[in-house]
Amino acid sequence: VQFNMEICGCTESYLTFYMPEQIRVFRIAH
């Protein structure tokens, strides 16, 4: 996500883990 933010010019990202019984979202800043 650091790599992708750098290439796309974004300052934050949402790394999201999904399973049918749960979702968890991590916010990661550049």
PDB file of all heavy atoms in Angstrom:
ATOM      1  N   VAL A   1       0.825  -1.210   0.000  1.00  0.00           N
ATOM      2  CA  VAL A   1       0.000   0.000   0.000  1.00  0.00           C
ATOM      3  C   VAL A   1       0.866   1.270   0.000  1.00  0.00           C
ATOM      4  O   VAL A   1       0.473   2.280  -0.606  1.00  0.00           O
ATOM      5  CB  VAL A   1      -1.018   0.012   1.164  1.00  0.00           C
ATOM      6  CG1 VAL A   1      -2.021  -1.119   1.003  1.00  0.00           C
ATOM      7  CG2 VAL A   1      -0.358  -0.051   2.515  1.00  0.00           C
ATOM      8  N   GLN A   2       2.044   1.232   0.634  1.00  0.00           N
ATOM      9  CA  GLN A   2       2.951   2.379   0.542  1.00  0.00           C
ATOM     10  C   GLN A   2       3.395   2.578  -0.906  1.00  0.00           C
ATOM     11  O   GLN A   2       3.450   3.701  -1.423  1.00  0.00           O
ATOM     12  CB  GLN A   2       4.162   2.192   1.461  1.00  0.00           C
ATOM     13  CG  GLN A   2       3.872   2.283   2.943  1.00  0.00           C
ATOM     14  CD  GLN A   2       3.496   3.683   3.402  1.00  0.00           C
ATOM     15  OE1 GLN A   2       3.702   4.673   2.698  1.00  0.00           O
ATOM     16  NE2 GLN A   2       2.933   3.777   4.598  1.00  0.00           N
ATOM     17  N   PHE A   3       3.718   1.481  -1.568  1.00  0.00           N
ATOM     18  CA  PHE A   3       4.129   1.478  -2.975  1.00  0.00           C
ATOM     19  C   PHE A   3       3.007   2.042  -3.842  1.00  0.00           C
ATOM     20  O   PHE A   3       3.218   2.928  -4.682  1.00  0.00           O
ATOM     21  CB  PHE A   3       4.460   0.040  -3.366  1.00  0.00           C
ATOM     22  CG  PHE A   3       4.980  -0.167  -4.758  1.00  0.00           C
ATOM     23  CD1 PHE A   3       6.344  -0.214  -5.009  1.00  0.00           C
ATOM     24  CD2 PHE A   3       4.110  -0.367  -5.824  1.00  0.00           C
ATOM     25  CE1 PHE A   3       6.826  -0.441  -6.291  1.00  0.00           C
ATOM     26  CE2 PHE A   3       4.581  -0.596  -7.101  1.00  0.00           C
ATOM     27  CZ  PHE A   3       5.947  -0.635  -7.337  1.00  0.00           C
ATOM     28  N   ASN A   4       1.781   1.541  -3.639  1.00  0.00           N
ATOM     29  CA  ASN A   4       0.645   1.973  -4.458  1.00  0.00           C
ATOM     30  C   ASN A   4       0.309   3.449  -4.236  1.00  0.00           C
ATOM     31  O   ASN A   4      -0.009   4.170  -5.189  1.00  0.00           O
ATOM     32  CB  ASN A   4      -0.573   1.103  -4.161  1.00  0.00           C
ATOM     33  CG  ASN A   4      -0.433  -0.316  -4.665  1.00  0.00           C
ATOM     34  OD1 ASN A   4       0.583  -0.667  -5.268  1.00  0.00           O
ATOM     35  ND2 ASN A   4      -1.425  -1.149  -4.412  1.00  0.00           N
ATOM     36  N   MET A   5       0.372   3.891  -2.982  1.00  0.00           N
ATOM     37  CA  MET A   5       0.103   5.311  -2.705  1.00  0.00           C
ATOM     38  C   MET A   5       1.120   6.199  -3.404  1.00  0.00           C
ATOM     39  O   MET A   5       0.766   7.237  -3.976  1.00  0.00           O
ATOM     40  CB  MET A   5       0.123   5.562  -1.195  1.00  0.00           C
ATOM     41  CG  MET A   5      -1.124   5.116  -0.466  1.00  0.00           C
ATOM     42  SD  MET A   5      -1.149   5.669   1.260  1.00  0.00           S
ATOM     43  CE  MET A   5       0.036   4.537   2.016  1.00  0.00           C
ATOM     44  N   GLU A   6       2.385   5.801  -3.353  1.00  0.00           N
ATOM     45  CA  GLU A   6       3.436   6.596  -3.990  1.00  0.00           C
ATOM     46  C   GLU A   6       3.202   6.708  -5.490  1.00  0.00           C
ATOM     47  O   GLU A   6       3.313   7.796  -6.063  1.00  0.00           O
ATOM     48  CB  GLU A   6       4.798   5.958  -3.713  1.00  0.00           C
ATOM     49  CG  GLU A   6       5.953   6.482  -4.534  1.00  0.00           C
ATOM     50  CD  GLU A   6       6.285   7.952  -4.277  1.00  0.00           C
ATOM     51  OE1 GLU A   6       5.857   8.483  -3.225  1.00  0.00           O
ATOM     52  OE2 GLU A   6       6.955   8.556  -5.124  1.00  0.00           O
ATOM     53  N   ILE A   7       2.860   5.627  -6.133  1.00  0.00           N
ATOM     54  CA  ILE A   7       2.655   5.641  -7.581  1.00  0.00           C
ATOM     55  C   ILE A   7       1.417   6.440  -7.971  1.00  0.00           C
ATOM     56  O   ILE A   7       1.430   7.190  -8.957  1.00  0.00           O
ATOM     57  CB  ILE A   7       2.570   4.202  -8.123  1.00  0.00           C
ATOM     58  CG1 ILE A   7       3.963   3.557  -8.073  1.00  0.00           C
ATOM     59  CG2 ILE A   7       2.007   4.175  -9.551  1.00  0.00           C
ATOM     60  CD1 ILE A   7       4.008   2.131  -8.534  1.00  0.00           C
ATOM     61  N   CYS A   8       0.363   6.312  -7.185  1.00  0.00           N
ATOM     62  CA  CYS A   8      -0.918   6.938  -7.542  1.00  0.00           C
ATOM     63  C   CYS A   8      -1.102   8.329  -6.952  1.00  0.00           C
ATOM     64  O   CYS A   8      -2.134   8.967  -7.181  1.00  0.00           O
ATOM     65  CB  CYS A   8      -2.068   6.032  -7.117  1.00  0.00           C
ATOM     66  SG  CYS A   8      -2.074   4.433  -7.959  1.00  0.00           S
ATOM     67  N   GLY A   9      -0.118   8.807  -6.176  1.00  0.00           N
ATOM     68  CA  GLY A   9      -0.201  10.142  -5.632  1.00  0.00           C
ATOM     69  C   GLY A   9      -1.235  10.303  -4.537  1.00  0.00           C
ATOM     70  O   GLY A   9      -1.816  11.387  -4.385  1.00  0.00           O
ATOM     71  N   CYS A  10      -1.474   9.248  -3.768  1.00  0.00           N
ATOM     72  CA  CYS A  10      -2.444   9.288  -2.676  1.00  0.00           C
ATOM     73  C   CYS A  10      -1.721   9.439  -1.336  1.00  0.00           C
ATOM     74  O   CYS A  10      -0.587   8.989  -1.182  1.00  0.00           O
ATOM     75  CB  CYS A  10      -3.293   8.022  -2.652  1.00  0.00           C
ATOM     76  SG  CYS A  10      -4.333   7.812  -4.113  1.00  0.00           S
ATOM     77  N   THR A  11      -2.402  10.039  -0.375  1.00  0.00           N
ATOM     78  CA  THR A  11      -1.793  10.242   0.935  1.00  0.00           C
ATOM     79  C   THR A  11      -2.302   9.274   1.987  1.00  0.00           C
ATOM     80  O   THR A  11      -1.776   9.240   3.095  1.00  0.00           O
ATOM     81  CB  THR A  11      -2.031  11.681   1.446  1.00  0.00           C
ATOM     82  OG1 THR A  11      -3.441  11.912   1.562  1.00  0.00           O
ATOM     83  CG2 THR A  11      -1.420  12.695   0.488  1.00  0.00           C
ATOM     84  N   GLU A  12      -3.331   8.490   1.663  1.00  0.00           N
ATOM     85  CA  GLU A  12      -3.808   7.494   2.610  1.00  0.00           C
ATOM     86  C   GLU A  12      -4.395   6.299   1.875  1.00  0.00           C
ATOM     87  O   GLU A  12      -4.758   6.378   0.699  1.00  0.00           O
ATOM     88  CB  GLU A  12      -4.836   8.090   3.577  1.00  0.00           C
ATOM     89  CG  GLU A  12      -6.095   8.587   2.915  1.00  0.00           C
ATOM     90  CD  GLU A  12      -7.042   9.260   3.911  1.00  0.00           C
ATOM     91  OE1 GLU A  12      -6.616   9.577   5.033  1.00  0.00           O
ATOM     92  OE2 GLU A  12      -8.216   9.458   3.563  1.00  0.00           O
ATOM     93  N   SER A  13      -4.458   5.182   2.597  1.00  0.00           N
ATOM     94  CA  SER A  13      -4.986   3.955   2.011  1.00  0.00           C
ATOM     95  C   SER A  13      -5.790   3.210   3.064  1.00  0.00           C
ATOM     96  O   SER A  13      -5.622   3.413   4.269  1.00  0.00           O
ATOM     97  CB  SER A  13      -3.849   3.073   1.493  1.00  0.00           C
ATOM     98  OG  SER A  13      -2.998   2.709   2.575  1.00  0.00           O
ATOM     99  N   TYR A  14      -6.646   2.304   2.575  1.00  0.00           N
ATOM    100  CA  TYR A  14      -7.478   1.493   3.457  1.00  0.00           C
ATOM    101  C   TYR A  14      -7.234   0.020   3.124  1.00  0.00           C
ATOM    102  O   TYR A  14      -7.724  -0.496   2.120  1.00  0.00           O
ATOM    103  CB  TYR A  14      -8.946   1.884   3.312  1.00  0.00           C
ATOM    104  CG  TYR A  14      -9.150   3.323   3.697  1.00  0.00           C
ATOM    105  CD1 TYR A  14      -9.278   4.311   2.723  1.00  0.00           C
ATOM    106  CD2 TYR A  14      -9.114   3.716   5.027  1.00  0.00           C
ATOM    107  CE1 TYR A  14      -9.403   5.642   3.074  1.00  0.00           C
ATOM    108  CE2 TYR A  14      -9.238   5.041   5.389  1.00  0.00           C
ATOM    109  CZ  TYR A  14      -9.379   6.001   4.409  1.00  0.00           C
ATOM    110  OH  TYR A  14      -9.482   7.322   4.755  1.00  0.00           O
ATOM    111  N   LEU A  15      -6.419  -0.611   3.953  1.00  0.00           N
ATOM    112  CA  LEU A  15      -6.120  -2.028   3.813  1.00  0.00           C
ATOM    113  C   LEU A  15      -7.244  -2.780   4.510  1.00  0.00           C
ATOM    114  O   LEU A  15      -7.372  -2.723   5.736  1.00  0.00           O
ATOM    115  CB  LEU A  15      -4.766  -2.344   4.434  1.00  0.00           C
ATOM    116  CG  LEU A  15      -4.328  -3.807   4.467  1.00  0.00           C
ATOM    117  CD1 LEU A  15      -4.232  -4.388   3.059  1.00  0.00           C
ATOM    118  CD2 LEU A  15      -2.989  -3.952   5.189  1.00  0.00           C
ATOM    119  N   THR A  16      -8.050  -3.474   3.737  1.00  0.00           N
ATOM    120  CA  THR A  16      -9.296  -4.042   4.239  1.00  0.00           C
ATOM    121  C   THR A  16      -9.272  -5.560   4.191  1.00  0.00           C
ATOM    122  O   THR A  16      -9.066  -6.155   3.125  1.00  0.00           O
ATOM    123  CB  THR A  16     -10.482  -3.519   3.410  1.00  0.00           C
ATOM    124  OG1 THR A  16     -10.510  -2.087   3.495  1.00  0.00           O
ATOM    125  CG2 THR A  16     -11.792  -4.085   3.901  1.00  0.00           C
ATOM    126  N   PHE A  17      -9.457  -6.180   5.346  1.00  0.00           N
ATOM    127  CA  PHE A  17      -9.539  -7.634   5.447  1.00  0.00           C
ATOM    128  C   PHE A  17     -10.998  -8.047   5.556  1.00  0.00           C
ATOM    129  O   PHE A  17     -11.735  -7.515   6.401  1.00  0.00           O
ATOM    130  CB  PHE A  17      -8.748  -8.139   6.660  1.00  0.00           C
ATOM    131  CG  PHE A  17      -7.265  -8.020   6.492  1.00  0.00           C
ATOM    132  CD1 PHE A  17      -6.612  -6.832   6.770  1.00  0.00           C
ATOM    133  CD2 PHE A  17      -6.512  -9.094   6.026  1.00  0.00           C
ATOM    134  CE1 PHE A  17      -5.244  -6.715   6.600  1.00  0.00           C
ATOM    135  CE2 PHE A  17      -5.142  -8.986   5.847  1.00  0.00           C
ATOM    136  CZ  PHE A  17      -4.511  -7.791   6.133  1.00  0.00           C
ATOM    137  N   TYR A  18     -11.366  -8.986   4.702  1.00  0.00           N
ATOM    138  CA  TYR A  18     -12.764  -9.438   4.672  1.00  0.00           C
ATOM    139  C   TYR A  18     -12.854 -10.946   4.783  1.00  0.00           C
ATOM    140  O   TYR A  18     -12.127 -11.677   4.102  1.00  0.00           O
ATOM    141  CB  TYR A  18     -13.436  -8.993   3.368  1.00  0.00           C
ATOM    142  CG  TYR A  18     -14.775  -9.666   3.132  1.00  0.00           C
ATOM    143  CD1 TYR A  18     -15.941  -9.147   3.709  1.00  0.00           C
ATOM    144  CD2 TYR A  18     -14.872 -10.832   2.367  1.00  0.00           C
ATOM    145  CE1 TYR A  18     -17.159  -9.785   3.523  1.00  0.00           C
ATOM    146  CE2 TYR A  18     -16.089 -11.468   2.176  1.00  0.00           C
ATOM    147  CZ  TYR A  18     -17.234 -10.942   2.756  1.00  0.00           C
ATOM    148  OH  TYR A  18     -18.430 -11.575   2.572  1.00  0.00           O
ATOM    149  N   MET A  19     -13.735 -11.402   5.656  1.00  0.00           N
ATOM    150  CA  MET A  19     -14.194 -12.780   5.693  1.00  0.00           C
ATOM    151  C   MET A  19     -15.710 -12.719   5.836  1.00  0.00           C
ATOM    152  O   MET A  19     -16.244 -11.684   6.278  1.00  0.00           O
ATOM    153  CB  MET A  19     -13.548 -13.552   6.854  1.00  0.00           C
ATOM    154  CG  MET A  19     -12.042 -13.693   6.724  1.00  0.00           C
ATOM    155  SD  MET A  19     -11.281 -14.693   8.045  1.00  0.00           S
ATOM    156  CE  MET A  19     -11.709 -16.360   7.449  1.00  0.00           C
ATOM    157  N   PRO A  20     -16.432 -13.764   5.465  1.00  0.00           N
ATOM    158  CA  PRO A  20     -17.899 -13.689   5.530  1.00  0.00           C
ATOM    159  C   PRO A  20     -18.443 -13.282   6.897  1.00  0.00           C
ATOM    160  O   PRO A  20     -19.526 -12.704   6.980  1.00  0.00           O
ATOM    161  CB  PRO A  20     -18.328 -15.113   5.157  1.00  0.00           C
ATOM    162  CG  PRO A  20     -17.235 -15.602   4.269  1.00  0.00           C
ATOM    163  CD  PRO A  20     -15.972 -15.022   4.843  1.00  0.00           C
ATOM    164  N   GLU A  21     -17.668 -13.531   7.950  1.00  0.00           N
ATOM    165  CA  GLU A  21     -18.143 -13.217   9.295  1.00  0.00           C
ATOM    166  C   GLU A  21     -17.514 -11.960   9.894  1.00  0.00           C
ATOM    167  O   GLU A  21     -17.851 -11.563  11.013  1.00  0.00           O
ATOM    168  CB  GLU A  21     -17.893 -14.401  10.243  1.00  0.00           C
ATOM    169  CG  GLU A  21     -16.436 -14.681  10.560  1.00  0.00           C
ATOM    170  CD  GLU A  21     -15.714 -15.530   9.506  1.00  0.00           C
ATOM    171  OE1 GLU A  21     -16.326 -15.796   8.454  1.00  0.00           O
ATOM    172  OE2 GLU A  21     -14.560 -15.917   9.755  1.00  0.00           O
ATOM    173  N   GLN A  22     -16.612 -11.294   9.146  1.00  0.00           N
ATOM    174  CA  GLN A  22     -15.933 -10.134   9.737  1.00  0.00           C
ATOM    175  C   GLN A  22     -15.315  -9.255   8.660  1.00  0.00           C
ATOM    176  O   GLN A  22     -14.893  -9.731   7.605  1.00  0.00           O
ATOM    177  CB  GLN A  22     -14.834 -10.584  10.719  1.00  0.00           C
ATOM    178  CG  GLN A  22     -14.140  -9.453  11.461  1.00  0.00           C
ATOM    179  CD  GLN A  22     -13.073  -9.941  12.426  1.00  0.00           C
ATOM    180  OE1 GLN A  22     -12.768 -11.136  12.474  1.00  0.00           O
ATOM    181  NE2 GLN A  22     -12.496  -9.043  13.193  1.00  0.00           N
ATOM    182  N   ILE A  23     -15.249  -7.951   8.954  1.00  0.00           N
ATOM    183  CA  ILE A  23     -14.491  -7.013   8.140  1.00  0.00           C
ATOM    184  C   ILE A  23     -13.685  -6.124   9.088  1.00  0.00           C
ATOM    185  O   ILE A  23     -14.174  -5.719  10.146  1.00  0.00           O
ATOM    186  CB  ILE A  23     -15.398  -6.153   7.230  1.00  0.00           C
ATOM    187  CG1 ILE A  23     -14.543  -5.224   6.352  1.00  0.00           C
ATOM    188  CG2 ILE A  23     -16.425  -5.363   8.030  1.00  0.00           C
ATOM    189  CD1 ILE A  23     -15.347  -4.464   5.305  1.00  0.00           C
ATOM    190  N   ARG A  24     -12.432  -5.862   8.726  1.00  0.00           N
ATOM    191  CA  ARG A  24     -11.569  -4.985   9.519  1.00  0.00           C
ATOM    192  C   ARG A  24     -10.809  -4.084   8.557  1.00  0.00           C
ATOM    193  O   ARG A  24     -10.217  -4.565   7.573  1.00  0.00           O
ATOM    194  CB  ARG A  24     -10.600  -5.793  10.376  1.00  0.00           C
ATOM    195  CG  ARG A  24      -9.606  -4.943  11.181  1.00  0.00           C
ATOM    196  CD  ARG A  24      -8.773  -5.798  12.120  1.00  0.00           C
ATOM    197  NE  ARG A  24      -9.589  -6.313  13.216  1.00  0.00           N
ATOM    198  CZ  ARG A  24      -9.222  -7.316  14.013  1.00  0.00           C
ATOM    199  NH1 ARG A  24      -8.061  -7.914  13.829  1.00  0.00           N
ATOM    200  NH2 ARG A  24     -10.017  -7.719  14.983  1.00  0.00           N
ATOM    201  N   VAL A  25     -10.822  -2.788   8.836  1.00  0.00           N
ATOM    202  CA  VAL A  25     -10.193  -1.814   7.947  1.00  0.00           C
ATOM    203  C   VAL A  25      -9.055  -1.095   8.675  1.00  0.00           C
ATOM    204  O   VAL A  25      -9.268  -0.487   9.726  1.00  0.00           O
ATOM    205  CB  VAL A  25     -11.217  -0.766   7.450  1.00  0.00           C
ATOM    206  CG1 VAL A  25     -10.539   0.225   6.494  1.00  0.00           C
ATOM    207  CG2 VAL A  25     -12.399  -1.453   6.761  1.00  0.00           C
ATOM    208  N   PHE A  26      -7.860  -1.184   8.097  1.00  0.00           N
ATOM    209  CA  PHE A  26      -6.689  -0.475   8.601  1.00  0.00           C
ATOM    210  C   PHE A  26      -6.481   0.787   7.768  1.00  0.00           C
ATOM    211  O   PHE A  26      -6.446   0.710   6.532  1.00  0.00           O
ATOM    212  CB  PHE A  26      -5.429  -1.330   8.502  1.00  0.00           C
ATOM    213  CG  PHE A  26      -5.419  -2.559   9.363  1.00  0.00           C
ATOM    214  CD1 PHE A  26      -5.989  -3.749   8.921  1.00  0.00           C
ATOM    215  CD2 PHE A  26      -4.823  -2.537  10.624  1.00  0.00           C
ATOM    216  CE1 PHE A  26      -5.969  -4.888   9.712  1.00  0.00           C
ATOM    217  CE2 PHE A  26      -4.794  -3.663  11.421  1.00  0.00           C
ATOM    218  CZ  PHE A  26      -5.370  -4.839  10.972  1.00  0.00           C
ATOM    219  N   ARG A  27      -6.339   1.914   8.420  1.00  0.00           N
ATOM    220  CA  ARG A  27      -5.951   3.128   7.716  1.00  0.00           C
ATOM    221  C   ARG A  27      -4.441   3.254   7.798  1.00  0.00           C
ATOM    222  O   ARG A  27      -3.848   3.180   8.876  1.00  0.00           O
ATOM    223  CB  ARG A  27      -6.588   4.372   8.327  1.00  0.00           C
ATOM    224  CG  ARG A  27      -6.112   5.663   7.651  1.00  0.00           C
ATOM    225  CD  ARG A  27      -6.669   6.895   8.340  1.00  0.00           C
ATOM    226  NE  ARG A  27      -6.137   8.104   7.712  1.00  0.00           N
ATOM    227  CZ  ARG A  27      -5.028   8.725   8.094  1.00  0.00           C
ATOM    228  NH1 ARG A  27      -4.318   8.277   9.122  1.00  0.00           N
ATOM    229  NH2 ARG A  27      -4.609   9.803   7.457  1.00  0.00           N
ATOM    230  N   ILE A  28      -3.801   3.431   6.636  1.00  0.00           N
ATOM    231  CA  ILE A  28      -2.347   3.587   6.562  1.00  0.00           C
ATOM    232  C   ILE A  28      -2.058   4.852   5.775  1.00  0.00           C
ATOM    233  O   ILE A  28      -2.524   5.014   4.638  1.00  0.00           O
ATOM    234  CB  ILE A  28      -1.689   2.372   5.886  1.00  0.00           C
ATOM    235  CG1 ILE A  28      -1.984   1.087   6.685  1.00  0.00           C
ATOM    236  CG2 ILE A  28      -0.184   2.581   5.749  1.00  0.00           C
ATOM    237  CD1 ILE A  28      -1.516  -0.183   6.012  1.00  0.00           C
ATOM    238  N   ALA A  29      -1.314   5.765   6.374  1.00  0.00           N
ATOM    239  CA  ALA A  29      -0.951   7.014   5.708  1.00  0.00           C
ATOM    240  C   ALA A  29       0.356   6.851   4.938  1.00  0.00           C
ATOM    241  O   ALA A  29       1.217   6.044   5.300  1.00  0.00           O
ATOM    242  CB  ALA A  29      -0.818   8.141   6.741  1.00  0.00           C
ATOM    243  N   HIS A  30       0.486   7.609   3.879  1.00  0.00           N
ATOM    244  CA  HIS A  30       1.735   7.638   3.111  1.00  0.00           C
ATOM    245  C   HIS A  30       2.874   8.069   4.035  1.00  0.00           C
ATOM    246  O   HIS A  30       2.780   9.084   4.734  1.00  0.00           O
ATOM    247  CB  HIS A  30       1.593   8.633   1.959  1.00  0.00           C
ATOM    248  CG  HIS A  30       2.784   8.738   1.069  1.00  0.00           C
ATOM    249  ND1 HIS A  30       3.821   9.616   1.311  1.00  0.00           N
ATOM    250  CD2 HIS A  30       3.118   8.069  -0.067  1.00  0.00           C
ATOM    251  CE1 HIS A  30       4.725   9.502   0.361  1.00  0.00           C
ATOM    252  NE2 HIS A  30       4.323   8.567  -0.491  1.00  0.00           N
TER     253      HIS A  30
END
